[in-house]
């Protein structure tokens, strides 16, 4: 899919309704709304065949970085540890600022990155080690997503197309 240009060399944001339709097409049984420049989408993602299925929500305001949260099951924490690679409110940190912008389709960027984050989360729970790389932020975490590039795990994760999981 080509990215629309503003004529000044800068890509225009993809309209939120288009983003929503692409997400719904990518994940069968997912749902969402766009109201007043705010998109809310939720769908079920199974990051690997051995994984459970998670209900994930993406909330985006026009032209801004989306917030990504896992609705179900609740994310567990290791005793005495905070969830790694998250922003306040347990919002997932799945990319660096330079890896995503509103001119990129969420369905082909965020969904695989969310799946990858979930795989690393599932490995972190029993081991205490975050295999995803990136940067861990302390204190007041600004919107500086942390994943340090895509790894081979991106090619192995999948989005569940079966809403019954």
Protein backbone atom coordinates (compact mmCIF):
# COMPACT_ATOMS: atom_id res chain seq x y z
CA UNK A 1 0.00 0.00 0.00
CA UNK A 2 1.49 3.32 -0.96
CA UNK A 3 1.49 6.09 1.58
CA UNK A 4 -0.30 9.32 0.61
CA UNK A 5 2.00 12.31 0.41
CA UNK A 6 1.26 15.90 1.37
CA UNK A 7 3.21 17.17 -1.64
CA UNK A 8 6.01 18.39 0.63
CA UNK A 9 7.63 14.99 0.95
CA UNK A 10 5.85 14.26 4.23
CA UNK A 11 3.42 11.39 4.33
CA UNK A 12 -0.14 12.15 5.43
CA UNK A 13 -1.69 10.23 8.30
CA UNK A 14 -3.94 7.36 7.25
CA UNK A 15 -7.51 8.26 8.22
CA UNK A 16 -8.62 6.49 11.39
CA UNK A 17 -11.62 4.93 9.64
CA UNK A 18 -9.25 3.33 7.11
CA UNK A 19 -6.99 2.14 9.95
CA UNK A 20 -10.02 0.61 11.69
CA UNK A 21 -11.25 -1.16 8.57
CA UNK A 22 -7.76 -2.59 7.92
CA UNK A 23 -7.52 -3.83 11.52
CA UNK A 24 -10.97 -5.44 11.29
CA UNK A 25 -10.01 -7.09 8.01
CA UNK A 26 -6.79 -8.42 9.57
CA UNK A 27 -8.44 -9.88 12.69
CA UNK A 28 -11.71 -11.75 12.18
CA UNK A 29 -14.29 -10.99 14.85
CA UNK A 30 -12.58 -7.77 15.95
CA UNK A 31 -14.57 -4.62 16.47
CA UNK A 32 -14.13 -0.91 16.82
CA UNK A 33 -15.43 2.59 16.40
CA UNK A 34 -14.27 5.96 15.17
CA UNK A 35 -15.83 8.98 16.85
CA UNK A 36 -14.57 12.56 16.92
CA UNK A 37 -11.04 11.75 15.69
CA UNK A 38 -10.68 8.86 18.16
CA UNK A 39 -10.44 5.25 17.07
CA UNK A 40 -10.98 2.36 19.47
CA UNK A 41 -10.34 -1.18 18.22
CA UNK A 42 -10.26 -4.50 20.05
CA UNK A 43 -9.45 -7.95 18.81
CA UNK A 44 -8.15 -11.32 19.88
CA UNK A 45 -4.49 -12.11 19.20
CA UNK A 46 -2.72 -15.43 19.70
CA UNK A 47 0.99 -14.64 19.37
CA UNK A 48 2.15 -18.24 18.82
CA UNK A 49 0.52 -21.66 18.50
CA UNK A 50 1.62 -22.42 22.09
CA UNK A 51 0.23 -19.14 23.43
CA UNK A 52 -3.07 -18.27 24.96
CA UNK A 53 -5.27 -15.77 23.14
CA UNK A 54 -5.27 -12.18 24.37
CA UNK A 55 -7.90 -9.51 23.86
CA UNK A 56 -6.01 -6.37 22.90
CA UNK A 57 -7.23 -2.80 22.53
CA UNK A 58 -5.75 -0.03 20.41
CA UNK A 59 -6.91 3.55 21.03
CA UNK A 60 -5.66 6.25 18.69
CA UNK A 61 -6.33 9.94 18.28
CA UNK A 62 -5.90 11.36 14.77
CA UNK A 63 -2.20 11.97 14.05
CA UNK A 64 -0.98 10.67 17.41
CA UNK A 65 0.74 7.52 18.65
CA UNK A 66 -1.79 4.87 19.69
CA UNK A 67 -2.19 3.43 23.17
CA UNK A 68 -2.11 -0.37 23.26
CA UNK A 69 -3.41 -2.38 26.20
CA UNK A 70 -4.20 -6.01 26.92
CA UNK A 71 -7.76 -6.26 28.19
CA UNK A 72 -7.94 -10.00 28.86
CA UNK A 73 -6.45 -11.90 30.50
CA UNK A 74 -4.95 -9.30 32.83
CA UNK A 75 -1.18 -9.12 32.45
CA UNK A 76 0.61 -10.74 35.36
CA UNK A 77 3.63 -9.29 37.11
CA UNK A 78 6.52 -11.14 38.66
CA UNK A 79 6.70 -10.65 42.40
CA UNK A 80 8.39 -7.35 43.17
CA UNK A 81 8.76 -6.40 39.49
CA UNK A 82 6.94 -4.00 37.22
CA UNK A 83 5.86 -5.11 33.78
CA UNK A 84 8.77 -4.53 31.41
CA UNK A 85 8.45 -2.35 28.33
CA UNK A 86 5.24 -0.66 29.31
CA UNK A 87 4.04 2.87 29.86
CA UNK A 88 1.99 3.89 32.90
CA UNK A 89 -1.32 2.06 32.98
CA UNK A 90 0.34 -1.08 31.58
CA UNK A 91 0.16 0.31 28.04
CA UNK A 92 2.44 -1.76 25.81
CA UNK A 93 5.65 -0.29 24.46
CA UNK A 94 6.08 -2.03 21.11
CA UNK A 95 8.17 0.37 18.99
CA UNK A 96 10.57 3.28 19.07
CA UNK A 97 9.36 6.73 18.02
CA UNK A 98 11.12 6.46 14.67
CA UNK A 99 9.56 3.07 13.79
CA UNK A 100 5.91 4.07 13.51
CA UNK A 101 3.98 7.16 12.53
CA UNK A 102 0.33 7.80 11.59
CA UNK A 103 1.07 7.31 7.89
CA UNK A 104 1.81 3.63 8.49
CA UNK A 105 -0.96 1.01 8.58
CA UNK A 106 -1.58 -0.29 12.09
CA UNK A 107 -2.67 -3.68 10.75
CA UNK A 108 0.73 -4.41 9.22
CA UNK A 109 2.90 -2.73 11.84
CA UNK A 110 1.26 -2.68 15.26
CA UNK A 111 -0.41 -6.10 15.11
CA UNK A 112 2.84 -8.01 14.47
CA UNK A 113 4.67 -5.87 17.04
CA UNK A 114 1.97 -6.54 19.65
CA UNK A 115 2.26 -10.26 18.96
CA UNK A 116 6.02 -10.05 19.33
CA UNK A 117 5.68 -8.16 22.64
CA UNK A 118 3.31 -10.85 23.91
CA UNK A 119 5.80 -13.62 23.03
CA UNK A 120 8.52 -11.81 24.98
CA UNK A 121 6.08 -11.27 27.86
CA UNK A 122 5.29 -14.99 27.95
CA UNK A 123 9.04 -15.75 28.11
CA UNK A 124 9.63 -13.07 30.77
CA UNK A 125 7.02 -14.45 33.17
CA UNK A 126 8.86 -17.71 34.00
CA UNK A 127 12.44 -16.50 33.41
CA UNK A 128 12.51 -12.87 34.55
CA UNK A 129 14.50 -12.02 31.42
CA UNK A 130 13.19 -9.74 28.67
CA UNK A 131 14.45 -11.22 25.40
CA UNK A 132 13.02 -8.43 23.24
CA UNK A 133 15.84 -5.96 23.69
CA UNK A 134 14.97 -2.30 23.70
CA UNK A 135 15.32 0.33 26.37
CA UNK A 136 13.70 0.23 29.78
CA UNK A 137 12.53 3.60 31.03
CA UNK A 138 12.36 4.58 34.68
CA UNK A 139 10.25 7.19 36.42
CA UNK A 140 8.14 9.41 34.19
CA UNK A 141 8.02 7.42 30.97
CA UNK A 142 7.35 9.62 28.00
CA UNK A 143 5.91 8.24 24.79
CA UNK A 144 9.20 6.76 23.62
CA UNK A 145 8.39 3.19 22.64
CA UNK A 146 11.20 0.80 23.38
CA UNK A 147 11.41 -2.19 21.05
CA UNK A 148 14.76 -2.04 19.29
CA UNK A 149 13.81 -3.18 15.83
CA UNK A 150 12.03 -6.24 14.64
CA UNK A 151 13.49 -9.65 15.31
CA UNK A 152 13.05 -13.09 13.85
CA UNK A 153 10.14 -13.55 16.26
CA UNK A 154 8.12 -11.11 14.14
CA UNK A 155 8.01 -13.65 11.36
CA UNK A 156 6.77 -16.38 13.69
CA UNK A 157 3.96 -14.59 15.48
CA UNK A 158 0.44 -14.64 14.15
CA UNK A 159 -2.82 -12.89 14.68
CA UNK A 160 -5.65 -15.22 15.59
CA UNK A 161 -8.43 -15.24 13.04
CA UNK A 162 -10.61 -17.44 15.21
CA UNK A 163 -12.65 -15.32 17.60
CA UNK A 164 -13.51 -18.41 19.69
CA UNK A 165 -10.04 -18.81 21.30
